[in-house]
Amino acid sequence: MLIRSFITDRNVILLAIAYIFTLLLLDVAGGDIWLAGKFYALEGYQWSLQYHWLTEQVLHKGGRKLNYLCCATVLLLTFYYARQNPRDSKTTRSYIALSLSLLCSFALVAYLKAISNIACPWELQLFGGTEPYLHLFER
């Protein structure tokens, strides 16, 4: 019931359409390469921030750890509400739906990264790396 109402919600459908449009704009229209080129030019046509502490430790690894912490918090809250308020089914079902969506999104992202094998901009030949640039749908 909760998932069915979520899928048929007009805002969710509009958000999915906007996401697909943005994905196509970035990949097919070359927006991703344009944006990477701008960052590459800002760094003096080299990836000077590739191994910088801010990008590597804070944004890359720290962002991943923050994501894990937030997901663990959601899972703990789900268990808490499921045990403490079994009669408040709306809150419990909402947390269960949120937890399931988090787990599904992690699985989907891991799967898509495994099958697409998309390279980081600093690995591309266009920017001094060794990998050729291929569109998402060319792989």
N, C-alpha and C. Protein backbone atom coordinates (compact mmCIF):
# COMPACT_ATOMS: atom_id res chain seq x y z
N MET A 1 0.82 -1.20 0.00
CA MET A 1 0.00 0.00 0.00
C MET A 1 0.87 1.26 0.00
N LEU A 2 1.82 1.32 0.90
CA LEU A 2 2.68 2.49 1.00
C LEU A 2 3.54 2.64 -0.25
N ILE A 3 4.10 1.54 -0.73
CA ILE A 3 4.94 1.60 -1.92
C ILE A 3 4.11 1.92 -3.15
N ARG A 4 2.90 1.36 -3.24
CA ARG A 4 2.03 1.64 -4.38
C ARG A 4 1.66 3.12 -4.43
N SER A 5 1.37 3.73 -3.28
CA SER A 5 1.04 5.16 -3.27
C SER A 5 2.28 6.01 -3.58
N PHE A 6 3.46 5.51 -3.20
CA PHE A 6 4.70 6.22 -3.51
C PHE A 6 4.96 6.22 -5.00
N ILE A 7 4.79 5.08 -5.66
CA ILE A 7 5.06 4.96 -7.08
C ILE A 7 4.07 5.77 -7.91
N THR A 8 2.84 5.87 -7.48
CA THR A 8 1.84 6.60 -8.24
C THR A 8 1.78 8.08 -7.88
N ASP A 9 2.60 8.53 -6.96
CA ASP A 9 2.63 9.93 -6.59
C ASP A 9 3.18 10.75 -7.76
N ARG A 10 2.50 11.83 -8.09
CA ARG A 10 2.87 12.66 -9.24
C ARG A 10 4.26 13.27 -9.09
N ASN A 11 4.61 13.69 -7.88
CA ASN A 11 5.93 14.30 -7.66
C ASN A 11 7.06 13.30 -7.88
N VAL A 12 6.84 12.06 -7.49
CA VAL A 12 7.87 11.04 -7.68
C VAL A 12 8.07 10.78 -9.17
N ILE A 13 6.99 10.73 -9.92
CA ILE A 13 7.08 10.51 -11.36
C ILE A 13 7.79 11.68 -12.03
N LEU A 14 7.46 12.91 -11.64
CA LEU A 14 8.14 14.08 -12.19
C LEU A 14 9.62 14.10 -11.83
N LEU A 15 9.95 13.69 -10.62
CA LEU A 15 11.35 13.63 -10.21
C LEU A 15 12.10 12.58 -11.02
N ALA A 16 11.50 11.43 -11.28
CA ALA A 16 12.14 10.40 -12.09
C ALA A 16 12.36 10.89 -13.53
N ILE A 17 11.39 11.60 -14.08
CA ILE A 17 11.53 12.15 -15.44
C ILE A 17 12.65 13.19 -15.47
N ALA A 18 12.71 14.04 -14.46
CA ALA A 18 13.78 15.05 -14.39
C ALA A 18 15.14 14.38 -14.25
N TYR A 19 15.22 13.31 -13.48
CA TYR A 19 16.47 12.59 -13.32
C TYR A 19 16.93 11.97 -14.64
N ILE A 20 16.03 11.33 -15.34
CA ILE A 20 16.36 10.71 -16.63
C ILE A 20 16.79 11.78 -17.63
N PHE A 21 16.09 12.90 -17.66
CA PHE A 21 16.45 14.00 -18.56
C PHE A 21 17.86 14.52 -18.24
N THR A 22 18.16 14.69 -16.95
CA THR A 22 19.48 15.17 -16.54
C THR A 22 20.56 14.16 -16.91
N LEU A 23 20.29 12.88 -16.71
CA LEU A 23 21.25 11.85 -17.09
C LEU A 23 21.54 11.89 -18.58
N LEU A 24 20.50 12.02 -19.38
CA LEU A 24 20.70 12.09 -20.83
C LEU A 24 21.43 13.37 -21.23
N LEU A 25 21.10 14.47 -20.58
CA LEU A 25 21.77 15.73 -20.87
C LEU A 25 23.26 15.65 -20.55
N LEU A 26 23.59 15.06 -19.41
CA LEU A 26 25.00 14.97 -19.02
C LEU A 26 25.77 13.98 -19.88
N ASP A 27 25.17 12.84 -20.19
CA ASP A 27 25.90 11.81 -20.92
C ASP A 27 25.83 11.99 -22.43
N VAL A 28 24.65 11.98 -22.97
CA VAL A 28 24.49 12.02 -24.43
C VAL A 28 24.89 13.37 -25.01
N ALA A 29 24.52 14.44 -24.34
CA ALA A 29 24.82 15.78 -24.85
C ALA A 29 26.25 16.23 -24.52
N GLY A 30 26.99 15.43 -23.74
CA GLY A 30 28.37 15.77 -23.43
C GLY A 30 28.54 16.73 -22.27
N GLY A 31 27.51 16.90 -21.47
CA GLY A 31 27.60 17.79 -20.32
C GLY A 31 28.60 17.34 -19.28
N ASP A 32 28.78 16.01 -19.14
CA ASP A 32 29.74 15.51 -18.16
C ASP A 32 31.18 15.84 -18.55
N ILE A 33 31.49 15.70 -19.85
CA ILE A 33 32.83 16.03 -20.32
C ILE A 33 33.07 17.53 -20.29
N TRP A 34 32.06 18.30 -20.61
CA TRP A 34 32.17 19.76 -20.55
C TRP A 34 32.49 20.20 -19.13
N LEU A 35 31.74 19.66 -18.15
CA LEU A 35 31.96 20.03 -16.76
C LEU A 35 33.33 19.56 -16.26
N ALA A 36 33.73 18.34 -16.62
CA ALA A 36 35.06 17.85 -16.23
C ALA A 36 36.15 18.71 -16.87
N GLY A 37 35.93 19.13 -18.11
CA GLY A 37 36.90 20.00 -18.78
C GLY A 37 37.06 21.34 -18.08
N LYS A 38 35.96 21.87 -17.57
CA LYS A 38 36.03 23.14 -16.83
C LYS A 38 36.86 22.99 -15.56
N PHE A 39 36.63 21.90 -14.81
CA PHE A 39 37.42 21.65 -13.60
C PHE A 39 38.89 21.41 -13.95
N TYR A 40 39.13 20.69 -15.05
CA TYR A 40 40.50 20.41 -15.50
C TYR A 40 41.22 21.71 -15.85
N ALA A 41 40.52 22.62 -16.52
CA ALA A 41 41.11 23.91 -16.87
C ALA A 41 41.36 24.75 -15.62
N LEU A 42 40.44 24.72 -14.66
CA LEU A 42 40.62 25.47 -13.42
C LEU A 42 41.85 25.00 -12.64
N GLU A 43 42.20 23.72 -12.79
CA GLU A 43 43.34 23.17 -12.07
C GLU A 43 44.63 23.27 -12.89
N GLY A 44 44.63 24.09 -13.93
CA GLY A 44 45.84 24.29 -14.72
C GLY A 44 46.13 23.15 -15.67
N TYR A 45 45.09 22.52 -16.18
CA TYR A 45 45.19 21.40 -17.12
C TYR A 45 45.99 20.23 -16.55
N GLN A 46 45.75 19.99 -15.29
CA GLN A 46 46.26 18.80 -14.60
C GLN A 46 45.33 18.56 -13.42
N TRP A 47 45.29 17.36 -12.93
CA TRP A 47 44.41 17.06 -11.79
C TRP A 47 45.19 17.25 -10.50
N SER A 48 45.44 18.50 -10.15
CA SER A 48 46.25 18.79 -8.97
C SER A 48 45.53 18.42 -7.67
N LEU A 49 44.22 18.32 -7.70
CA LEU A 49 43.48 17.97 -6.48
C LEU A 49 43.16 16.48 -6.38
N GLN A 50 43.70 15.68 -7.29
CA GLN A 50 43.39 14.24 -7.30
C GLN A 50 43.80 13.57 -5.99
N TYR A 51 44.96 13.90 -5.47
CA TYR A 51 45.44 13.28 -4.23
C TYR A 51 45.47 14.29 -3.08
N HIS A 52 44.77 15.38 -3.21
CA HIS A 52 44.71 16.39 -2.15
C HIS A 52 43.91 15.83 -0.97
N TRP A 53 44.26 16.22 0.24
CA TRP A 53 43.60 15.69 1.44
C TRP A 53 42.11 16.01 1.46
N LEU A 54 41.73 17.18 0.93
CA LEU A 54 40.31 17.55 0.95
C LEU A 54 39.50 16.65 0.03
N THR A 55 39.96 16.44 -1.18
CA THR A 55 39.19 15.63 -2.12
C THR A 55 39.27 14.14 -1.79
N GLU A 56 40.43 13.68 -1.34
CA GLU A 56 40.59 12.24 -1.10
C GLU A 56 40.03 11.83 0.27
N GLN A 57 40.45 12.53 1.32
CA GLN A 57 40.05 12.12 2.67
C GLN A 57 38.66 12.62 3.08
N VAL A 58 38.40 13.89 2.82
CA VAL A 58 37.14 14.48 3.29
C VAL A 58 35.98 14.16 2.36
N LEU A 59 36.12 14.51 1.08
CA LEU A 59 34.99 14.34 0.17
C LEU A 59 34.77 12.88 -0.25
N HIS A 60 35.84 12.17 -0.58
CA HIS A 60 35.69 10.80 -1.05
C HIS A 60 35.43 9.83 0.10
N LYS A 61 36.41 9.69 0.97
CA LYS A 61 36.30 8.72 2.06
C LYS A 61 35.38 9.21 3.17
N GLY A 62 35.46 10.49 3.50
CA GLY A 62 34.58 11.03 4.54
C GLY A 62 33.12 11.02 4.13
N GLY A 63 32.86 11.33 2.87
CA GLY A 63 31.48 11.27 2.37
C GLY A 63 30.92 9.87 2.43
N ARG A 64 31.75 8.87 2.10
CA ARG A 64 31.31 7.48 2.16
C ARG A 64 31.01 7.07 3.60
N LYS A 65 31.90 7.48 4.54
CA LYS A 65 31.68 7.15 5.96
C LYS A 65 30.43 7.84 6.50
N LEU A 66 30.20 9.09 6.10
CA LEU A 66 28.99 9.80 6.52
C LEU A 66 27.75 9.11 5.98
N ASN A 67 27.82 8.63 4.75
CA ASN A 67 26.71 7.91 4.15
C ASN A 67 26.42 6.63 4.94
N TYR A 68 27.46 5.88 5.30
CA TYR A 68 27.27 4.66 6.09
C TYR A 68 26.68 4.98 7.46
N LEU A 69 27.13 6.06 8.07
CA LEU A 69 26.61 6.46 9.37
C LEU A 69 25.12 6.81 9.29
N CYS A 70 24.74 7.57 8.26
CA CYS A 70 23.33 7.93 8.09
C CYS A 70 22.47 6.71 7.83
N CYS A 71 22.96 5.79 7.03
CA CYS A 71 22.20 4.57 6.74
C CYS A 71 22.07 3.70 7.98
N ALA A 72 23.13 3.60 8.77
CA ALA A 72 23.06 2.83 10.01
C ALA A 72 22.06 3.47 10.97
N THR A 73 22.01 4.79 11.00
CA THR A 73 21.04 5.49 11.84
C THR A 73 19.61 5.18 11.41
N VAL A 74 19.37 5.19 10.11
CA VAL A 74 18.03 4.87 9.61
C VAL A 74 17.66 3.43 9.96
N LEU A 75 18.60 2.50 9.81
CA LEU A 75 18.31 1.11 10.15
C LEU A 75 18.03 0.94 11.64
N LEU A 76 18.81 1.63 12.48
CA LEU A 76 18.57 1.56 13.92
C LEU A 76 17.21 2.16 14.29
N LEU A 77 16.86 3.28 13.67
CA LEU A 77 15.54 3.87 13.92
C LEU A 77 14.42 2.94 13.44
N THR A 78 14.64 2.24 12.36
CA THR A 78 13.64 1.29 11.88
C THR A 78 13.42 0.19 12.90
N PHE A 79 14.51 -0.38 13.41
CA PHE A 79 14.37 -1.42 14.44
C PHE A 79 13.73 -0.88 15.71
N TYR A 80 14.10 0.34 16.08
CA TYR A 80 13.53 0.96 17.28
C TYR A 80 12.02 1.12 17.15
N TYR A 81 11.57 1.71 16.06
CA TYR A 81 10.14 1.93 15.88
C TYR A 81 9.38 0.61 15.69
N ALA A 82 10.01 -0.36 15.09
CA ALA A 82 9.35 -1.65 14.91
C ALA A 82 9.15 -2.36 16.25
N ARG A 83 10.09 -2.18 17.18
CA ARG A 83 9.96 -2.83 18.50
C ARG A 83 9.16 -1.99 19.50
N GLN A 84 9.35 -0.67 19.48
CA GLN A 84 8.71 0.19 20.48
C GLN A 84 7.26 0.51 20.15
N ASN A 85 6.97 0.72 18.90
CA ASN A 85 5.63 1.15 18.50
C ASN A 85 5.02 0.20 17.48
N PRO A 86 4.79 -1.04 17.85
CA PRO A 86 4.23 -1.96 16.85
C PRO A 86 2.81 -1.56 16.42
N ARG A 87 2.12 -0.79 17.25
CA ARG A 87 0.74 -0.37 16.89
C ARG A 87 0.75 0.85 15.97
N ASP A 88 1.82 1.63 16.01
CA ASP A 88 1.92 2.79 15.13
C ASP A 88 2.48 2.32 13.79
N SER A 89 1.63 1.70 13.03
CA SER A 89 2.09 1.03 11.81
C SER A 89 2.53 2.01 10.73
N LYS A 90 1.97 3.22 10.72
CA LYS A 90 2.35 4.17 9.67
C LYS A 90 3.81 4.58 9.80
N THR A 91 4.26 4.91 11.00
CA THR A 91 5.65 5.29 11.22
C THR A 91 6.58 4.11 10.96
N THR A 92 6.21 2.95 11.47
CA THR A 92 7.03 1.76 11.27
C THR A 92 7.13 1.41 9.79
N ARG A 93 6.01 1.43 9.09
CA ARG A 93 6.03 1.12 7.66
C ARG A 93 6.84 2.15 6.87
N SER A 94 6.78 3.39 7.29
CA SER A 94 7.56 4.44 6.61
C SER A 94 9.05 4.19 6.78
N TYR A 95 9.48 3.85 7.99
CA TYR A 95 10.89 3.55 8.21
C TYR A 95 11.33 2.29 7.49
N ILE A 96 10.47 1.29 7.43
CA ILE A 96 10.80 0.07 6.69
C ILE A 96 10.94 0.38 5.21
N ALA A 97 10.05 1.18 4.66
CA ALA A 97 10.14 1.56 3.25
C ALA A 97 11.42 2.35 2.98
N LEU A 98 11.79 3.24 3.90
CA LEU A 98 13.02 4.01 3.74
C LEU A 98 14.23 3.09 3.80
N SER A 99 14.25 2.16 4.73
CA SER A 99 15.37 1.22 4.84
C SER A 99 15.48 0.34 3.59
N LEU A 100 14.35 -0.14 3.10
CA LEU A 100 14.38 -0.95 1.88
C LEU A 100 14.87 -0.15 0.68
N SER A 101 14.47 1.11 0.61
CA SER A 101 14.92 1.94 -0.52
C SER A 101 16.43 2.20 -0.43
N LEU A 102 16.95 2.37 0.77
CA LEU A 102 18.40 2.55 0.93
C LEU A 102 19.16 1.30 0.50
N LEU A 103 18.69 0.14 0.95
CA LEU A 103 19.36 -1.10 0.59
C LEU A 103 19.28 -1.36 -0.91
N CYS A 104 18.13 -1.08 -1.49
CA CYS A 104 17.98 -1.27 -2.95
C CYS A 104 18.86 -0.29 -3.73
N SER A 105 18.97 0.93 -3.25
CA SER A 105 19.80 1.91 -3.96
C SER A 105 21.28 1.52 -3.88
N PHE A 106 21.74 1.01 -2.73
CA PHE A 106 23.12 0.55 -2.64
C PHE A 106 23.38 -0.61 -3.59
N ALA A 107 22.45 -1.55 -3.64
CA ALA A 107 22.60 -2.70 -4.52
C ALA A 107 22.59 -2.26 -5.99
N LEU A 108 21.69 -1.35 -6.33
CA LEU A 108 21.58 -0.88 -7.70
C LEU A 108 22.84 -0.12 -8.13
N VAL A 109 23.34 0.75 -7.28
CA VAL A 109 24.54 1.51 -7.61
C VAL A 109 25.74 0.58 -7.76
N ALA A 110 25.89 -0.39 -6.86
CA ALA A 110 27.00 -1.34 -6.97
C ALA A 110 26.89 -2.14 -8.26
N TYR A 111 25.70 -2.57 -8.61
CA TYR A 111 25.50 -3.33 -9.84
C TYR A 111 25.82 -2.47 -11.07
N LEU A 112 25.31 -1.25 -11.11
CA LEU A 112 25.54 -0.38 -12.26
C LEU A 112 27.01 -0.01 -12.40
N LYS A 113 27.70 0.20 -11.28
CA LYS A 113 29.13 0.49 -11.35
C LYS A 113 29.90 -0.71 -11.88
N ALA A 114 29.45 -1.92 -11.52
CA ALA A 114 30.15 -3.13 -11.96
C ALA A 114 29.96 -3.37 -13.46
N ILE A 115 28.76 -3.10 -13.97
CA ILE A 115 28.52 -3.40 -15.39
C ILE A 115 28.92 -2.26 -16.31
N SER A 116 28.93 -1.03 -15.83
CA SER A 116 29.24 0.09 -16.71
C SER A 116 30.74 0.38 -16.78
N ASN A 117 31.46 0.14 -15.69
CA ASN A 117 32.91 0.36 -15.65
C ASN A 117 33.27 1.78 -16.11
N ILE A 118 32.55 2.75 -15.62
CA ILE A 118 32.79 4.14 -16.00
C ILE A 118 34.02 4.67 -15.26
N ALA A 119 34.90 5.31 -16.01
CA ALA A 119 36.15 5.81 -15.45
C ALA A 119 35.96 7.20 -14.86
N CYS A 120 36.80 7.52 -13.87
CA CYS A 120 36.84 8.88 -13.33
C CYS A 120 37.45 9.80 -14.38
N PRO A 121 37.13 11.09 -14.34
CA PRO A 121 37.67 12.01 -15.36
C PRO A 121 39.19 11.99 -15.46
N TRP A 122 39.91 11.84 -14.34
CA TRP A 122 41.36 11.88 -14.42
C TRP A 122 41.95 10.61 -15.04
N GLU A 123 41.13 9.59 -15.25
CA GLU A 123 41.58 8.37 -15.93
C GLU A 123 41.35 8.42 -17.44
N LEU A 124 40.67 9.46 -17.93
CA LEU A 124 40.34 9.55 -19.35
C LEU A 124 41.50 10.11 -20.16
N GLN A 125 41.64 9.63 -21.40
CA GLN A 125 42.69 10.10 -22.31
C GLN A 125 42.54 11.59 -22.59
N LEU A 126 41.31 12.07 -22.60
CA LEU A 126 41.06 13.50 -22.85
C LEU A 126 41.76 14.40 -21.83
N PHE A 127 41.97 13.85 -20.64
CA PHE A 127 42.53 14.64 -19.55
C PHE A 127 43.85 14.04 -19.04
N GLY A 128 44.60 13.40 -19.92
CA GLY A 128 45.91 12.89 -19.55
C GLY A 128 45.95 11.49 -18.98
N GLY A 129 44.82 10.79 -18.96
CA GLY A 129 44.80 9.42 -18.45
C GLY A 129 45.00 8.39 -19.55
N THR A 130 44.61 7.16 -19.28
CA THR A 130 44.83 6.08 -20.23
C THR A 130 43.54 5.49 -20.80
N GLU A 131 42.41 5.78 -20.19
CA GLU A 131 41.14 5.18 -20.61
C GLU A 131 40.46 6.03 -21.69
N PRO A 132 39.86 5.37 -22.68
CA PRO A 132 39.11 6.14 -23.68
C PRO A 132 37.75 6.56 -23.11
N TYR A 133 37.22 7.65 -23.63
CA TYR A 133 35.90 8.10 -23.18
C TYR A 133 34.83 7.38 -23.97
N LEU A 134 33.94 6.74 -23.26
CA LEU A 134 32.78 6.07 -23.87
C LEU A 134 31.54 6.56 -23.16
N HIS A 135 30.50 6.77 -23.94
CA HIS A 135 29.21 7.15 -23.33
C HIS A 135 28.68 5.99 -22.51
N LEU A 136 27.79 6.30 -21.62
CA LEU A 136 27.21 5.29 -20.73
C LEU A 136 26.58 4.15 -21.52
N PHE A 137 25.90 4.46 -22.60
CA PHE A 137 25.18 3.44 -23.35
C PHE A 137 26.04 2.77 -24.43
N GLU A 138 27.32 3.13 -24.53
CA GLU A 138 28.23 2.51 -25.49
C GLU A 138 28.95 1.30 -24.92
N ARG A 139 28.89 1.09 -23.65
CA ARG A 139 29.65 0.03 -23.00
C ARG A 139 28.99 -1.30 -23.18
